[in-house]
PDB file of N, CA and C in Angstrom:
ATOM      1  N   MET A   1      85.022 -30.732  28.487  1.00  0.00           N
ATOM      2  CA  MET A   1      84.014 -29.851  29.055  1.00  0.00           C
ATOM      3  C   MET A   1      84.209 -28.416  28.552  1.00  0.00           C
ATOM      4  N   GLN A   2      85.471 -28.013  28.458  1.00  0.00           N
ATOM      5  CA  GLN A   2      85.754 -26.651  28.009  1.00  0.00           C
ATOM      6  C   GLN A   2      85.347 -26.473  26.552  1.00  0.00           C
ATOM      7  N   LEU A   3      85.570 -27.470  25.728  1.00  0.00           N
ATOM      8  CA  LEU A   3      85.169 -27.390  24.319  1.00  0.00           C
ATOM      9  C   LEU A   3      83.648 -27.301  24.201  1.00  0.00           C
ATOM     10  N   PHE A   4      82.927 -28.096  25.002  1.00  0.00           N
ATOM     11  CA  PHE A   4      81.470 -28.040  24.991  1.00  0.00           C
ATOM     12  C   PHE A   4      80.970 -26.652  25.381  1.00  0.00           C
ATOM     13  N   LEU A   5      81.555 -26.059  26.408  1.00  0.00           N
ATOM     14  CA  LEU A   5      81.125 -24.726  26.838  1.00  0.00           C
ATOM     15  C   LEU A   5      81.472 -23.658  25.802  1.00  0.00           C
ATOM     16  N   GLN A   6      82.582 -23.831  25.110  1.00  0.00           N
ATOM     17  CA  GLN A   6      82.930 -22.869  24.057  1.00  0.00           C
ATOM     18  C   GLN A   6      81.956 -22.942  22.893  1.00  0.00           C
ATOM     19  N   VAL A   7      81.595 -24.149  22.489  1.00  0.00           N
ATOM     20  CA  VAL A   7      80.627 -24.311  21.409  1.00  0.00           C
ATOM     21  C   VAL A   7      79.264 -23.783  21.850  1.00  0.00           C
ATOM     22  N   LEU A   8      78.877 -24.067  23.083  1.00  0.00           N
ATOM     23  CA  LEU A   8      77.617 -23.560  23.626  1.00  0.00           C
ATOM     24  C   LEU A   8      77.597 -22.040  23.667  1.00  0.00           C
ATOM     25  N   LEU A   9      78.725 -21.439  24.001  1.00  0.00           N
ATOM     26  CA  LEU A   9      78.818 -19.984  24.038  1.00  0.00           C
ATOM     27  C   LEU A   9      78.662 -19.382  22.645  1.00  0.00           C
ATOM     28  N   ILE A  10      79.285 -19.989  21.657  1.00  0.00           N
ATOM     29  CA  ILE A  10      79.189 -19.469  20.288  1.00  0.00           C
ATOM     30  C   ILE A  10      77.762 -19.602  19.758  1.00  0.00           C
ATOM     31  N   VAL A  11      77.166 -20.764  19.967  1.00  0.00           N
ATOM     32  CA  VAL A  11      75.796 -20.981  19.480  1.00  0.00           C
ATOM     33  C   VAL A  11      74.818 -20.068  20.196  1.00  0.00           C
ATOM     34  N   SER A  12      74.953 -19.953  21.512  1.00  0.00           N
ATOM     35  CA  SER A  12      74.024 -19.095  22.249  1.00  0.00           C
ATOM     36  C   SER A  12      74.241 -17.620  21.923  1.00  0.00           C
ATOM     37  N   SER A  13      75.447 -17.226  21.576  1.00  0.00           N
ATOM     38  CA  SER A  13      75.702 -15.843  21.170  1.00  0.00           C
ATOM     39  C   SER A  13      74.956 -15.508  19.887  1.00  0.00           C
ATOM     40  N   PHE A  14      75.040 -16.393  18.906  1.00  0.00           N
ATOM     41  CA  PHE A  14      74.324 -16.155  17.651  1.00  0.00           C
ATOM     42  C   PHE A  14      72.811 -16.176  17.846  1.00  0.00           C
ATOM     43  N   LEU A  15      72.337 -17.109  18.683  1.00  0.00           N
ATOM     44  CA  LEU A  15      70.898 -17.167  18.949  1.00  0.00           C
ATOM     45  C   LEU A  15      70.417 -15.936  19.699  1.00  0.00           C
ATOM     46  N   LEU A  16      71.231 -15.429  20.607  1.00  0.00           N
ATOM     47  CA  LEU A  16      70.859 -14.226  21.355  1.00  0.00           C
ATOM     48  C   LEU A  16      70.795 -13.017  20.429  1.00  0.00           C
ATOM     49  N   ILE A  17      71.745 -12.895  19.533  1.00  0.00           N
ATOM     50  CA  ILE A  17      71.714 -11.797  18.561  1.00  0.00           C
ATOM     51  C   ILE A  17      70.466 -11.907  17.695  1.00  0.00           C
ATOM     52  N   LEU A  18      70.160 -13.111  17.244  1.00  0.00           N
ATOM     53  CA  LEU A  18      68.996 -13.318  16.393  1.00  0.00           C
ATOM     54  C   LEU A  18      67.695 -12.988  17.122  1.00  0.00           C
ATOM     55  N   THR A  19      67.546 -13.455  18.354  1.00  0.00           N
ATOM     56  CA  THR A  19      66.304 -13.198  19.078  1.00  0.00           C
ATOM     57  C   THR A  19      66.145 -11.729  19.438  1.00  0.00           C
ATOM     58  N   VAL A  20      67.221 -11.047  19.736  1.00  0.00           N
ATOM     59  CA  VAL A  20      67.115  -9.614  20.036  1.00  0.00           C
ATOM     60  C   VAL A  20      66.728  -8.838  18.781  1.00  0.00           C
ATOM     61  N   LEU A  21      67.277  -9.221  17.647  1.00  0.00           N
ATOM     62  CA  LEU A  21      66.947  -8.522  16.411  1.00  0.00           C
ATOM     63  C   LEU A  21      65.529  -8.814  15.923  1.00  0.00           C
ATOM     64  N   LEU A  22      64.939  -9.914  16.365  1.00  0.00           N
ATOM     65  CA  LEU A  22      63.577 -10.236  15.966  1.00  0.00           C
ATOM     66  C   LEU A  22      62.522  -9.425  16.720  1.00  0.00           C
ATOM     67  N   HIS A  23      62.908  -8.811  17.822  1.00  0.00           N
ATOM     68  CA  HIS A  23      61.948  -8.026  18.603  1.00  0.00           C
ATOM     69  C   HIS A  23      61.481  -6.809  17.821  1.00  0.00           C
ATOM     70  N   ARG A  24      60.235  -6.441  18.067  1.00  0.00           N
ATOM     71  CA  ARG A  24      59.671  -5.264  17.419  1.00  0.00           C
ATOM     72  C   ARG A  24      60.146  -4.029  18.164  1.00  0.00           C
ATOM     73  N   GLY A  25      60.512  -2.993  17.422  1.00  0.00           N
ATOM     74  CA  GLY A  25      60.965  -1.760  18.027  1.00  0.00           C
ATOM     75  C   GLY A  25      59.819  -1.020  18.689  1.00  0.00           C
ATOM     76  N   ARG A  26      60.086  -0.427  19.852  1.00  0.00           N
ATOM     77  CA  ARG A  26      59.057   0.310  20.581  1.00  0.00           C
ATOM     78  C   ARG A  26      59.584   1.691  20.896  1.00  0.00           C
ATOM     79  N   GLY A  27      59.283   2.632  20.045  1.00  0.00           N
ATOM     80  CA  GLY A  27      59.717   3.983  20.344  1.00  0.00           C
ATOM     81  C   GLY A  27      60.557   4.552  19.225  1.00  0.00           C
ATOM     82  N   GLY A  28      61.224   5.640  19.541  1.00  0.00           N
ATOM     83  CA  GLY A  28      61.974   6.363  18.538  1.00  0.00           C
ATOM     84  C   GLY A  28      63.433   6.006  18.501  1.00  0.00           C
ATOM     85  N   GLY A  29      63.749   4.736  18.585  1.00  0.00           N
ATOM     86  CA  GLY A  29      65.144   4.325  18.559  1.00  0.00           C
ATOM     87  C   GLY A  29      65.654   4.165  17.144  1.00  0.00           C
ATOM     88  N   LEU A  30      66.611   3.282  16.985  1.00  0.00           N
ATOM     89  CA  LEU A  30      67.206   3.054  15.676  1.00  0.00           C
ATOM     90  C   LEU A  30      66.227   2.429  14.699  1.00  0.00           C
ATOM     91  N   SER A  31      65.239   1.691  15.212  1.00  0.00           N
ATOM     92  CA  SER A  31      64.286   1.060  14.297  1.00  0.00           C
ATOM     93  C   SER A  31      63.437   2.100  13.577  1.00  0.00           C
ATOM     94  N   SER A  32      63.094   3.186  14.247  1.00  0.00           N
ATOM     95  CA  SER A  32      62.301   4.223  13.582  1.00  0.00           C
ATOM     96  C   SER A  32      63.165   5.076  12.656  1.00  0.00           C
ATOM     97  N   LEU A  33      64.464   5.075  12.886  1.00  0.00           N
ATOM     98  CA  LEU A  33      65.359   5.826  12.024  1.00  0.00           C
ATOM     99  C   LEU A  33      65.360   5.264  10.603  1.00  0.00           C
ATOM    100  N   PHE A  34      65.229   3.934  10.489  1.00  0.00           N
ATOM    101  CA  PHE A  34      65.251   3.283   9.188  1.00  0.00           C
ATOM    102  C   PHE A  34      63.855   2.898   8.711  1.00  0.00           C
ATOM    103  N   GLY A  35      62.843   3.577   9.193  1.00  0.00           N
ATOM    104  CA  GLY A  35      61.490   3.333   8.716  1.00  0.00           C
ATOM    105  C   GLY A  35      60.693   2.371   9.559  1.00  0.00           C
ATOM    106  N   GLY A  36      61.225   1.952  10.686  1.00  0.00           N
ATOM    107  CA  GLY A  36      60.491   1.033  11.543  1.00  0.00           C
ATOM    108  C   GLY A  36      59.348   1.691  12.288  1.00  0.00           C
ATOM    109  N   GLY A  37      59.334   2.998  12.374  1.00  0.00           N
ATOM    110  CA  GLY A  37      58.272   3.689  13.076  1.00  0.00           C
ATOM    111  C   GLY A  37      56.988   3.784  12.291  1.00  0.00           C
ATOM    112  N   MET A  38      56.996   3.409  11.020  1.00  0.00           N
ATOM    113  CA  MET A  38      55.824   3.498  10.173  1.00  0.00           C
ATOM    114  C   MET A  38      55.045   2.181  10.134  1.00  0.00           C
ATOM    115  N   GLN A  39      55.373   1.240  11.007  1.00  0.00           N
ATOM    116  CA  GLN A  39      54.699  -0.048  11.001  1.00  0.00           C
ATOM    117  C   GLN A  39      53.300   0.080  11.589  1.00  0.00           C
ATOM    118  N   SER A  40      52.392  -0.756  11.116  1.00  0.00           N
ATOM    119  CA  SER A  40      51.058  -0.768  11.681  1.00  0.00           C
ATOM    120  C   SER A  40      51.020  -1.683  12.892  1.00  0.00           C
ATOM    121  N   SER A  41      49.955  -1.594  13.657  1.00  0.00           N
ATOM    122  CA  SER A  41      49.835  -2.422  14.851  1.00  0.00           C
ATOM    123  C   SER A  41      49.508  -3.868  14.503  1.00  0.00           C
ATOM    124  N   LEU A  42      49.220  -4.171  13.244  1.00  0.00           N
ATOM    125  CA  LEU A  42      48.882  -5.527  12.840  1.00  0.00           C
ATOM    126  C   LEU A  42      50.106  -6.371  12.521  1.00  0.00           C
ATOM    127  N   SER A  43      51.299  -5.821  12.695  1.00  0.00           N
ATOM    128  CA  SER A  43      52.497  -6.538  12.272  1.00  0.00           C
ATOM    129  C   SER A  43      52.896  -7.668  13.214  1.00  0.00           C
ATOM    130  N   GLY A  44      52.412  -7.678  14.444  1.00  0.00           N
ATOM    131  CA  GLY A  44      52.806  -8.741  15.340  1.00  0.00           C
ATOM    132  C   GLY A  44      51.749  -9.020  16.384  1.00  0.00           C
ATOM    133  N   SER A  45      51.790 -10.199  16.942  1.00  0.00           N
ATOM    134  CA  SER A  45      50.836 -10.600  17.951  1.00  0.00           C
ATOM    135  C   SER A  45      51.474 -10.506  19.325  1.00  0.00           C
ATOM    136  N   SER A  46      50.672 -10.256  20.330  1.00  0.00           N
ATOM    137  CA  SER A  46      51.222 -10.157  21.673  1.00  0.00           C
ATOM    138  C   SER A  46      51.688 -11.518  22.183  1.00  0.00           C
ATOM    139  N   VAL A  47      51.045 -12.605  21.738  1.00  0.00           N
ATOM    140  CA  VAL A  47      51.469 -13.952  22.138  1.00  0.00           C
ATOM    141  C   VAL A  47      52.842 -14.254  21.556  1.00  0.00           C
ATOM    142  N   VAL A  48      53.064 -13.856  20.333  1.00  0.00           N
ATOM    143  CA  VAL A  48      54.362 -14.082  19.692  1.00  0.00           C
ATOM    144  C   VAL A  48      55.441 -13.282  20.413  1.00  0.00           C
ATOM    145  N   GLU A  49      55.134 -12.043  20.782  1.00  0.00           N
ATOM    146  CA  GLU A  49      56.103 -11.219  21.500  1.00  0.00           C
ATOM    147  C   GLU A  49      56.429 -11.813  22.868  1.00  0.00           C
ATOM    148  N   LYS A  50      55.430 -12.332  23.563  1.00  0.00           N
ATOM    149  CA  LYS A  50      55.678 -12.945  24.877  1.00  0.00           C
ATOM    150  C   LYS A  50      56.553 -14.181  24.746  1.00  0.00           C
ATOM    151  N   ASN A  51      56.265 -15.004  23.738  1.00  0.00           N
ATOM    152  CA  ASN A  51      57.090 -16.194  23.523  1.00  0.00           C
ATOM    153  C   ASN A  51      58.512 -15.815  23.123  1.00  0.00           C
ATOM    154  N   LEU A  52      58.645 -14.783  22.311  1.00  0.00           N
ATOM    155  CA  LEU A  52      59.972 -14.323  21.918  1.00  0.00           C
ATOM    156  C   LEU A  52      60.731 -13.763  23.127  1.00  0.00           C
ATOM    157  N   ASP A  53      60.026 -13.093  24.025  1.00  0.00           N
ATOM    158  CA  ASP A  53      60.651 -12.612  25.255  1.00  0.00           C
ATOM    159  C   ASP A  53      61.164 -13.776  26.093  1.00  0.00           C
ATOM    160  N   ARG A  54      60.350 -14.810  26.220  1.00  0.00           N
ATOM    161  CA  ARG A  54      60.759 -15.980  27.015  1.00  0.00           C
ATOM    162  C   ARG A  54      61.967 -16.681  26.400  1.00  0.00           C
ATOM    163  N   ILE A  55      61.946 -16.822  25.095  1.00  0.00           N
ATOM    164  CA  ILE A  55      63.074 -17.465  24.415  1.00  0.00           C
ATOM    165  C   ILE A  55      64.340 -16.633  24.574  1.00  0.00           C
ATOM    166  N   THR A  56      64.196 -15.307  24.478  1.00  0.00           N
ATOM    167  CA  THR A  56      65.357 -14.431  24.624  1.00  0.00           C
ATOM    168  C   THR A  56      65.943 -14.522  26.026  1.00  0.00           C
ATOM    169  N   VAL A  57      65.086 -14.556  27.040  1.00  0.00           N
ATOM    170  CA  VAL A  57      65.569 -14.674  28.416  1.00  0.00           C
ATOM    171  C   VAL A  57      66.251 -16.021  28.634  1.00  0.00           C
ATOM    172  N   PHE A  58      65.679 -17.093  28.082  1.00  0.00           N
ATOM    173  CA  PHE A  58      66.283 -18.420  28.224  1.00  0.00           C
ATOM    174  C   PHE A  58      67.649 -18.484  27.553  1.00  0.00           C
ATOM    175  N   VAL A  59      67.743 -17.975  26.334  1.00  0.00           N
ATOM    176  CA  VAL A  59      69.027 -17.993  25.611  1.00  0.00           C
ATOM    177  C   VAL A  59      70.041 -17.102  26.327  1.00  0.00           C
ATOM    178  N   GLY A  60      69.591 -15.977  26.869  1.00  0.00           N
ATOM    179  CA  GLY A  60      70.481 -15.109  27.644  1.00  0.00           C
ATOM    180  C   GLY A  60      71.008 -15.801  28.895  1.00  0.00           C
ATOM    181  N   ALA A  61      70.139 -16.578  29.557  1.00  0.00           N
ATOM    182  CA  ALA A  61      70.577 -17.320  30.747  1.00  0.00           C
ATOM    183  C   ALA A  61      71.596 -18.393  30.372  1.00  0.00           C
ATOM    184  N   VAL A  62      71.378 -19.087  29.268  1.00  0.00           N
ATOM    185  CA  VAL A  62      72.344 -20.096  28.805  1.00  0.00           C
ATOM    186  C   VAL A  62      73.667 -19.429  28.474  1.00  0.00           C
ATOM    187  N   TRP A  63      73.608 -18.247  27.857  1.00  0.00           N
ATOM    188  CA  TRP A  63      74.815 -17.496  27.505  1.00  0.00           C
ATOM    189  C   TRP A  63      75.613 -17.119  28.760  1.00  0.00           C
ATOM    190  N   VAL A  64      74.917 -16.609  29.783  1.00  0.00           N
ATOM    191  CA  VAL A  64      75.586 -16.210  31.024  1.00  0.00           C
ATOM    192  C   VAL A  64      76.172 -17.430  31.734  1.00  0.00           C
ATOM    193  N   ILE A  65      75.423 -18.520  31.774  1.00  0.00           N
ATOM    194  CA  ILE A  65      75.916 -19.735  32.436  1.00  0.00           C
ATOM    195  C   ILE A  65      77.154 -20.276  31.732  1.00  0.00           C
ATOM    196  N   SER A  66      77.163 -20.236  30.412  1.00  0.00           N
ATOM    197  CA  SER A  66      78.341 -20.730  29.692  1.00  0.00           C
ATOM    198  C   SER A  66      79.551 -19.824  29.912  1.00  0.00           C
ATOM    199  N   ILE A  67      79.331 -18.512  30.030  1.00  0.00           N
ATOM    200  CA  ILE A  67      80.453 -17.605  30.314  1.00  0.00           C
ATOM    201  C   ILE A  67      81.009 -17.844  31.714  1.00  0.00           C
ATOM    202  N   VAL A  68      80.116 -17.997  32.684  1.00  0.00           N
ATOM    203  CA  VAL A  68      80.571 -18.253  34.054  1.00  0.00           C
ATOM    204  C   VAL A  68      81.294 -19.592  34.132  1.00  0.00           C
ATOM    205  N   GLY A  69      80.756 -20.606  33.463  1.00  0.00           N
ATOM    206  CA  GLY A  69      81.406 -21.919  33.464  1.00  0.00           C
ATOM    207  C   GLY A  69      82.779 -21.877  32.826  1.00  0.00           C
ATOM    208  N   LEU A  70      82.908 -21.178  31.716  1.00  0.00           N
ATOM    209  CA  LEU A  70      84.229 -21.044  31.083  1.00  0.00           C
ATOM    210  C   LEU A  70      85.187 -20.272  31.963  1.00  0.00           C
ATOM    211  N   GLY A  71      84.689 -19.235  32.609  1.00  0.00           N
ATOM    212  CA  GLY A  71      85.548 -18.463  33.512  1.00  0.00           C
ATOM    213  C   GLY A  71      86.063 -19.293  34.670  1.00  0.00           C
ATOM    214  N   LEU A  72      85.188 -20.131  35.232  1.00  0.00           N
ATOM    215  CA  LEU A  72      85.612 -20.996  36.319  1.00  0.00           C
ATOM    216  C   LEU A  72      86.600 -22.059  35.854  1.00  0.00           C
ATOM    217  N   LEU A  73      86.386 -22.601  34.655  1.00  0.00           N
ATOM    218  CA  LEU A  73      87.331 -23.591  34.129  1.00  0.00           C
ATOM    219  C   LEU A  73      88.693 -22.979  33.853  1.00  0.00           C
ATOM    220  N   VAL A  74      88.725 -21.783  33.359  1.00  0.00           N
ATOM    221  CA  VAL A  74      89.993 -21.119  33.070  1.00  0.00           C
ATOM    222  C   VAL A  74      90.712 -20.783  34.374  1.00  0.00           C
ATOM    223  N   LYS A  75      89.943 -20.350  35.370  1.00  0.00           N
ATOM    224  CA  LYS A  75      90.551 -19.975  36.648  1.00  0.00           C
ATOM    225  C   LYS A  75      91.103 -21.188  37.391  1.00  0.00           C
ATOM    226  N   VAL A  76      90.374 -22.279  37.387  1.00  0.00           N
ATOM    227  CA  VAL A  76      90.803 -23.481  38.102  1.00  0.00           C
ATOM    228  C   VAL A  76      91.876 -24.221  37.317  1.00  0.00           C
ATOM    229  N   GLY A  77      91.678 -24.354  36.013  1.00  0.00           N
ATOM    230  CA  GLY A  77      92.581 -25.166  35.203  1.00  0.00           C
ATOM    231  C   GLY A  77      93.689 -24.363  34.719  1.00  0.00           C
TER     232      GLY A  77
END
């Protein structure tokens, strides 16, 4: 069980990084520093952004659950 949760944590960590980086920048953050502020409004669809938000929240929940599960296994075992 501990090995499964460790593999799940690694996979969900990479997926979480990927989904966060796929989001479109909104504002004057780091994305506009490297030319992201010059994008047109045609670069993405609102449906795609909503689906990406849902996927990011789901992967984040899996990540948190795997961390809590590993913590409980380490504490008990």
